[in-house]
Amino acid sequence: FTDDMDKCIITHAMTAIERHHIFGGTDRGRSENYGFVVPLHRSVHPNGAFREDKNWQELDHWLKRKCQEYYIEIAQHGDRDAWYREFGRFYDDRCDENVILNKTFEWRLK
């Protein structure tokens, strides 16, 4: 997602940055292994992945879907079956980027 882990990918702020593991909990190690970690300003990432507003959920889904695309299409770590065996879910099943374009995240998804 970025080579600059000191700058928020959403707000471009360079202070109060938190590292967000796109896959947390028991998958946190997989996030580290594949580089699925992004810098977020604390205003975008309050309480880490436990934020429950709609914009956060859609951003989180978009990040996971981009990880899936990277894993399969760019890095070619494996196919959809390999992804599913490793992460247990497909992330292109809920919505399309055009659906989640909104005033909050529109700048990043174009």
Protein backbone atom coordinates (compact mmCIF):
# COMPACT_ATOMS: atom_id res chain seq x y z
CA PHE A 1 0.00 0.00 0.00
CA THR A 2 2.81 2.41 0.83
CA ASP A 3 6.52 2.63 1.40
CA ASP A 4 6.06 5.50 3.87
CA MET A 5 4.86 3.97 7.14
CA ASP A 6 5.10 7.37 8.84
CA LYS A 7 2.33 8.99 6.77
CA CYS A 8 -1.37 8.10 7.02
CA ILE A 9 -2.70 6.64 3.77
CA ILE A 10 -6.05 8.35 4.43
CA THR A 11 -5.32 11.79 5.88
CA HIS A 12 -1.65 12.10 4.85
CA ALA A 13 -0.92 13.25 8.41
CA MET A 14 2.57 12.53 9.69
CA THR A 15 1.81 12.60 13.42
CA ALA A 16 -0.21 10.29 15.67
CA ILE A 17 0.28 7.39 13.26
CA GLU A 18 -0.78 3.88 14.23
CA ARG A 19 0.14 0.71 12.36
CA HIS A 20 -3.01 -1.14 11.28
CA HIS A 21 -2.64 -4.86 10.66
CA ILE A 22 -5.25 -5.44 7.98
CA PHE A 23 -5.77 -8.95 9.27
CA GLY A 24 -5.64 -8.83 13.05
CA GLY A 25 -6.07 -11.26 15.88
CA THR A 26 -4.75 -14.71 15.02
CA ASP A 27 -3.97 -13.49 11.46
CA ARG A 28 -1.74 -10.65 12.68
CA GLY A 29 1.37 -12.70 11.82
CA ARG A 30 0.09 -13.21 8.28
CA SER A 31 -0.38 -9.46 7.95
CA GLU A 32 3.25 -8.95 8.99
CA ASN A 33 4.48 -11.76 6.74
CA TYR A 34 2.83 -10.41 3.60
CA GLY A 35 3.24 -6.71 4.43
CA PHE A 36 -0.50 -6.20 4.96
CA VAL A 37 0.11 -3.36 7.42
CA VAL A 38 -0.83 0.26 6.75
CA PRO A 39 -0.21 3.54 8.58
CA LEU A 40 -3.37 5.26 9.78
CA HIS A 41 -3.84 8.44 11.77
CA ARG A 42 -5.47 7.73 15.12
CA SER A 43 -8.55 9.72 14.06
CA VAL A 44 -9.13 7.15 11.31
CA HIS A 45 -8.13 4.20 13.50
CA PRO A 46 -9.53 4.89 16.98
CA ASN A 47 -9.68 1.75 19.09
CA GLY A 48 -7.90 -0.07 16.33
CA ALA A 49 -9.97 -2.52 14.34
CA PHE A 50 -12.84 -2.34 16.82
CA ARG A 51 -14.25 0.85 15.30
CA GLU A 52 -17.78 0.11 14.19
CA ASP A 53 -18.92 2.95 11.98
CA LYS A 54 -19.91 2.26 8.37
CA ASN A 55 -16.99 4.16 6.82
CA TRP A 56 -14.46 2.17 8.86
CA GLN A 57 -16.11 -1.14 7.93
CA GLU A 58 -16.06 -0.26 4.25
CA LEU A 59 -12.46 0.92 4.37
CA ASP A 60 -11.48 -2.26 6.21
CA HIS A 61 -13.25 -4.41 3.59
CA TRP A 62 -11.57 -2.48 0.77
CA LEU A 63 -8.13 -2.96 2.34
CA LYS A 64 -8.75 -6.70 2.73
CA ARG A 65 -9.94 -6.98 -0.85
CA LYS A 66 -6.84 -5.17 -2.09
CA CYS A 67 -4.70 -7.61 -0.09
CA GLN A 68 -6.52 -10.49 -1.74
CA GLU A 69 -5.95 -9.02 -5.20
CA TYR A 70 -2.26 -8.48 -4.43
CA TYR A 71 -1.84 -12.04 -3.07
CA ILE A 72 -3.45 -13.66 -6.11
CA GLU A 73 -2.76 -11.36 -9.06
CA ILE A 74 0.42 -9.44 -8.33
CA ALA A 75 2.59 -11.45 -5.97
CA GLN A 76 1.13 -14.70 -7.27
CA HIS A 77 1.39 -16.43 -3.90
CA GLY A 78 -1.43 -18.69 -5.04
CA ASP A 79 -4.89 -18.81 -6.53
CA ARG A 80 -8.28 -18.15 -4.93
CA ASP A 81 -8.23 -21.58 -3.29
CA ALA A 82 -4.83 -20.88 -1.70
CA TRP A 83 -6.11 -17.51 -0.45
CA TYR A 84 -9.18 -19.15 1.04
CA ARG A 85 -7.12 -21.85 2.76
CA GLU A 86 -4.89 -19.20 4.29
CA PHE A 87 -7.39 -16.46 5.18
CA GLY A 88 -10.71 -18.34 5.29
CA ARG A 89 -12.81 -15.83 3.38
CA PHE A 90 -13.06 -14.03 0.07
CA TYR A 91 -13.30 -10.26 0.24
CA ASP A 92 -14.66 -9.50 -3.21
CA ASP A 93 -18.06 -10.91 -2.39
CA ARG A 94 -19.74 -7.96 -0.69
CA CYS A 95 -19.38 -4.91 -2.87
CA ASP A 96 -17.59 -3.25 -5.67
CA GLU A 97 -15.34 -0.18 -5.38
CA ASN A 98 -17.97 1.99 -7.06
CA VAL A 99 -20.47 1.10 -4.36
CA ILE A 100 -18.25 2.32 -1.54
CA LEU A 101 -17.18 5.59 -3.12
CA ASN A 102 -18.41 8.20 -0.69
CA LYS A 103 -17.39 11.59 0.55
CA THR A 104 -15.09 10.12 3.19
CA PHE A 105 -13.03 7.64 1.17
CA GLU A 106 -13.62 8.82 -2.39
CA TRP A 107 -10.13 10.37 -2.63
CA ARG A 108 -8.40 7.04 -2.05
CA LEU A 109 -10.46 4.68 -4.16
CA LYS A 110 -10.30 6.51 -7.50
